[in-house]
Amino acid sequence: MTHTKRNQLSRDKANGLKRIELKVEQDLFDMLNMKAKSANMIRSEYIQ
C-alpha cells in the first residue's frame, strides 16, 4: 500500500466514509469516467 493510499484511507475514515467494491456494466463504467473527466474530477470523487 502506498503512502498516498494510506493517507486517503485515514482521511476517509476520519470523514466517516467506508470503502466498497462493486461490479458495474461497461457502459456505466465508461459513462462515469466520461462525466468525471468533463467535471475535471477522478471517477471516485465524481461518484462520491
PDB file of N, CA and C in Angstrom:
ATOM      1  N   MET A   1       0.859  -1.178   0.000  1.00  0.00           N
ATOM      2  CA  MET A   1       0.000   0.000   0.000  1.00  0.00           C
ATOM      3  C   MET A   1       0.900   1.233   0.000  1.00  0.00           C
ATOM      4  N   THR A   2       0.616   2.138  -0.883  1.00  0.00           N
ATOM      5  CA  THR A   2       1.453   3.328  -0.973  1.00  0.00           C
ATOM      6  C   THR A   2       1.128   4.300   0.151  1.00  0.00           C
ATOM      7  N   HIS A   3       2.051   5.190   0.385  1.00  0.00           N
ATOM      8  CA  HIS A   3       1.865   6.210   1.423  1.00  0.00           C
ATOM      9  C   HIS A   3       0.620   7.051   1.129  1.00  0.00           C
ATOM     10  N   THR A   4       0.427   7.414  -0.138  1.00  0.00           N
ATOM     11  CA  THR A   4      -0.723   8.219  -0.532  1.00  0.00           C
ATOM     12  C   THR A   4      -2.027   7.473  -0.263  1.00  0.00           C
ATOM     13  N   LYS A   5      -2.060   6.194  -0.585  1.00  0.00           N
ATOM     14  CA  LYS A   5      -3.262   5.389  -0.356  1.00  0.00           C
ATOM     15  C   LYS A   5      -3.569   5.315   1.138  1.00  0.00           C
ATOM     16  N   ARG A   6      -2.545   5.167   1.946  1.00  0.00           N
ATOM     17  CA  ARG A   6      -2.715   5.115   3.401  1.00  0.00           C
ATOM     18  C   ARG A   6      -3.305   6.429   3.909  1.00  0.00           C
ATOM     19  N   ASN A   7      -2.806   7.548   3.384  1.00  0.00           N
ATOM     20  CA  ASN A   7      -3.345   8.864   3.762  1.00  0.00           C
ATOM     21  C   ASN A   7      -4.815   8.981   3.372  1.00  0.00           C
ATOM     22  N   GLN A   8      -5.144   8.500   2.176  1.00  0.00           N
ATOM     23  CA  GLN A   8      -6.527   8.571   1.714  1.00  0.00           C
ATOM     24  C   GLN A   8      -7.435   7.740   2.617  1.00  0.00           C
ATOM     25  N   LEU A   9      -7.002   6.538   2.981  1.00  0.00           N
ATOM     26  CA  LEU A   9      -7.800   5.682   3.860  1.00  0.00           C
ATOM     27  C   LEU A   9      -8.028   6.346   5.209  1.00  0.00           C
ATOM     28  N   SER A  10      -6.994   6.962   5.755  1.00  0.00           N
ATOM     29  CA  SER A  10      -7.121   7.660   7.041  1.00  0.00           C
ATOM     30  C   SER A  10      -8.072   8.845   6.928  1.00  0.00           C
ATOM     31  N   ARG A  11      -7.952   9.605   5.851  1.00  0.00           N
ATOM     32  CA  ARG A  11      -8.810  10.768   5.623  1.00  0.00           C
ATOM     33  C   ARG A  11     -10.270  10.324   5.467  1.00  0.00           C
ATOM     34  N   ASP A  12     -10.489   9.260   4.697  1.00  0.00           N
ATOM     35  CA  ASP A  12     -11.845   8.748   4.512  1.00  0.00           C
ATOM     36  C   ASP A  12     -12.441   8.295   5.837  1.00  0.00           C
ATOM     37  N   LYS A  13     -11.665   7.585   6.627  1.00  0.00           N
ATOM     38  CA  LYS A  13     -12.145   7.101   7.923  1.00  0.00           C
ATOM     39  C   LYS A  13     -12.518   8.277   8.823  1.00  0.00           C
ATOM     40  N   ALA A  14     -11.685   9.308   8.831  1.00  0.00           N
ATOM     41  CA  ALA A  14     -11.945  10.491   9.649  1.00  0.00           C
ATOM     42  C   ALA A  14     -13.226  11.207   9.203  1.00  0.00           C
ATOM     43  N   ASN A  15     -13.560  11.079   7.915  1.00  0.00           N
ATOM     44  CA  ASN A  15     -14.769  11.708   7.375  1.00  0.00           C
ATOM     45  C   ASN A  15     -15.984  10.783   7.435  1.00  0.00           C
ATOM     46  N   GLY A  16     -15.820   9.629   8.080  1.00  0.00           N
ATOM     47  CA  GLY A  16     -16.937   8.698   8.224  1.00  0.00           C
ATOM     48  C   GLY A  16     -17.280   7.936   6.955  1.00  0.00           C
ATOM     49  N   LEU A  17     -16.322   7.853   6.028  1.00  0.00           N
ATOM     50  CA  LEU A  17     -16.572   7.168   4.761  1.00  0.00           C
ATOM     51  C   LEU A  17     -16.089   5.726   4.828  1.00  0.00           C
ATOM     52  N   LYS A  18     -16.814   4.839   4.181  1.00  0.00           N
ATOM     53  CA  LYS A  18     -16.456   3.427   4.097  1.00  0.00           C
ATOM     54  C   LYS A  18     -16.246   3.071   2.641  1.00  0.00           C
ATOM     55  N   ARG A  19     -15.273   2.201   2.381  1.00  0.00           N
ATOM     56  CA  ARG A  19     -14.968   1.773   1.026  1.00  0.00           C
ATOM     57  C   ARG A  19     -15.787   0.534   0.690  1.00  0.00           C
ATOM     58  N   ILE A  20     -16.277   0.488  -0.542  1.00  0.00           N
ATOM     59  CA  ILE A  20     -16.950  -0.707  -1.030  1.00  0.00           C
ATOM     60  C   ILE A  20     -16.443  -1.008  -2.432  1.00  0.00           C
ATOM     61  N   GLU A  21     -16.585  -2.239  -2.833  1.00  0.00           N
ATOM     62  CA  GLU A  21     -16.240  -2.628  -4.197  1.00  0.00           C
ATOM     63  C   GLU A  21     -17.514  -3.149  -4.831  1.00  0.00           C
ATOM     64  N   LEU A  22     -17.748  -2.779  -6.071  1.00  0.00           N
ATOM     65  CA  LEU A  22     -18.923  -3.290  -6.756  1.00  0.00           C
ATOM     66  C   LEU A  22     -18.625  -3.471  -8.230  1.00  0.00           C
ATOM     67  N   LYS A  23     -19.437  -4.279  -8.858  1.00  0.00           N
ATOM     68  CA  LYS A  23     -19.277  -4.549 -10.286  1.00  0.00           C
ATOM     69  C   LYS A  23     -20.392  -3.843 -11.037  1.00  0.00           C
ATOM     70  N   VAL A  24     -20.022  -3.203 -12.142  1.00  0.00           N
ATOM     71  CA  VAL A  24     -20.992  -2.492 -12.977  1.00  0.00           C
ATOM     72  C   VAL A  24     -20.763  -2.877 -14.436  1.00  0.00           C
ATOM     73  N   GLU A  25     -21.773  -2.645 -15.247  1.00  0.00           N
ATOM     74  CA  GLU A  25     -21.663  -2.884 -16.684  1.00  0.00           C
ATOM     75  C   GLU A  25     -20.648  -1.907 -17.287  1.00  0.00           C
ATOM     76  N   GLN A  26     -20.022  -2.316 -18.376  1.00  0.00           N
ATOM     77  CA  GLN A  26     -19.013  -1.490 -19.047  1.00  0.00           C
ATOM     78  C   GLN A  26     -19.576  -0.127 -19.441  1.00  0.00           C
ATOM     79  N   ASP A  27     -20.828  -0.083 -19.907  1.00  0.00           N
ATOM     80  CA  ASP A  27     -21.439   1.192 -20.318  1.00  0.00           C
ATOM     81  C   ASP A  27     -21.503   2.184 -19.158  1.00  0.00           C
ATOM     82  N   LEU A  28     -21.896   1.709 -17.987  1.00  0.00           N
ATOM     83  CA  LEU A  28     -21.964   2.582 -16.813  1.00  0.00           C
ATOM     84  C   LEU A  28     -20.567   3.043 -16.408  1.00  0.00           C
ATOM     85  N   PHE A  29     -19.610   2.136 -16.437  1.00  0.00           N
ATOM     86  CA  PHE A  29     -18.223   2.459 -16.111  1.00  0.00           C
ATOM     87  C   PHE A  29     -17.701   3.556 -17.039  1.00  0.00           C
ATOM     88  N   ASP A  30     -17.939   3.384 -18.333  1.00  0.00           N
ATOM     89  CA  ASP A  30     -17.484   4.373 -19.318  1.00  0.00           C
ATOM     90  C   ASP A  30     -18.168   5.722 -19.113  1.00  0.00           C
ATOM     91  N   MET A  31     -19.479   5.699 -18.816  1.00  0.00           N
ATOM     92  CA  MET A  31     -20.219   6.937 -18.597  1.00  0.00           C
ATOM     93  C   MET A  31     -19.681   7.673 -17.371  1.00  0.00           C
ATOM     94  N   LEU A  32     -19.423   6.939 -16.290  1.00  0.00           N
ATOM     95  CA  LEU A  32     -18.881   7.566 -15.082  1.00  0.00           C
ATOM     96  C   LEU A  32     -17.515   8.186 -15.357  1.00  0.00           C
ATOM     97  N   ASN A  33     -16.674   7.484 -16.103  1.00  0.00           N
ATOM     98  CA  ASN A  33     -15.363   8.030 -16.466  1.00  0.00           C
ATOM     99  C   ASN A  33     -15.508   9.305 -17.285  1.00  0.00           C
ATOM    100  N   MET A  34     -16.406   9.287 -18.253  1.00  0.00           N
ATOM    101  CA  MET A  34     -16.608  10.444 -19.123  1.00  0.00           C
ATOM    102  C   MET A  34     -17.124  11.647 -18.325  1.00  0.00           C
ATOM    103  N   LYS A  35     -18.118  11.421 -17.490  1.00  0.00           N
ATOM    104  CA  LYS A  35     -18.686  12.521 -16.703  1.00  0.00           C
ATOM    105  C   LYS A  35     -17.679  13.064 -15.696  1.00  0.00           C
ATOM    106  N   ALA A  36     -16.900  12.182 -15.092  1.00  0.00           N
ATOM    107  CA  ALA A  36     -15.871  12.627 -14.153  1.00  0.00           C
ATOM    108  C   ALA A  36     -14.827  13.476 -14.879  1.00  0.00           C
ATOM    109  N   LYS A  37     -14.414  13.011 -16.048  1.00  0.00           N
ATOM    110  CA  LYS A  37     -13.413  13.758 -16.816  1.00  0.00           C
ATOM    111  C   LYS A  37     -13.942  15.134 -17.206  1.00  0.00           C
ATOM    112  N   SER A  38     -15.199  15.209 -17.629  1.00  0.00           N
ATOM    113  CA  SER A  38     -15.763  16.502 -18.032  1.00  0.00           C
ATOM    114  C   SER A  38     -15.926  17.444 -16.839  1.00  0.00           C
ATOM    115  N   ALA A  39     -16.000  16.876 -15.626  1.00  0.00           N
ATOM    116  CA  ALA A  39     -16.085  17.689 -14.407  1.00  0.00           C
ATOM    117  C   ALA A  39     -14.701  17.932 -13.798  1.00  0.00           C
ATOM    118  N   ASN A  40     -13.642  17.531 -14.535  1.00  0.00           N
ATOM    119  CA  ASN A  40     -12.259  17.660 -14.058  1.00  0.00           C
ATOM    120  C   ASN A  40     -12.057  16.979 -12.704  1.00  0.00           C
ATOM    121  N   MET A  41     -12.623  15.784 -12.586  1.00  0.00           N
ATOM    122  CA  MET A  41     -12.513  15.007 -11.353  1.00  0.00           C
ATOM    123  C   MET A  41     -12.064  13.595 -11.705  1.00  0.00           C
ATOM    124  N   ILE A  42     -11.619  12.875 -10.692  1.00  0.00           N
ATOM    125  CA  ILE A  42     -11.391  11.456 -10.894  1.00  0.00           C
ATOM    126  C   ILE A  42     -12.707  10.744 -10.595  1.00  0.00           C
ATOM    127  N   ARG A  43     -12.836   9.542 -11.121  1.00  0.00           N
ATOM    128  CA  ARG A  43     -14.103   8.824 -11.010  1.00  0.00           C
ATOM    129  C   ARG A  43     -14.577   8.678  -9.569  1.00  0.00           C
ATOM    130  N   SER A  44     -13.702   8.318  -8.667  1.00  0.00           N
ATOM    131  CA  SER A  44     -14.118   8.117  -7.273  1.00  0.00           C
ATOM    132  C   SER A  44     -14.645   9.409  -6.651  1.00  0.00           C
ATOM    133  N   GLU A  45     -14.033  10.542  -6.982  1.00  0.00           N
ATOM    134  CA  GLU A  45     -14.534  11.831  -6.479  1.00  0.00           C
ATOM    135  C   GLU A  45     -15.910  12.128  -7.058  1.00  0.00           C
ATOM    136  N   TYR A  46     -16.074  11.851  -8.348  1.00  0.00           N
ATOM    137  CA  TYR A  46     -17.354  12.114  -9.007  1.00  0.00           C
ATOM    138  C   TYR A  46     -18.466  11.276  -8.383  1.00  0.00           C
ATOM    139  N   ILE A  47     -18.200  10.013  -8.128  1.00  0.00           N
ATOM    140  CA  ILE A  47     -19.201   9.114  -7.549  1.00  0.00           C
ATOM    141  C   ILE A  47     -19.561   9.554  -6.144  1.00  0.00           C
ATOM    142  N   GLN A  48     -18.590  10.005  -5.410  1.00  0.00           N
ATOM    143  CA  GLN A  48     -18.807  10.413  -4.025  1.00  0.00           C
ATOM    144  C   GLN A  48     -19.700  11.619  -3.980  1.00  0.00           C
TER     145      GLN A  48
END
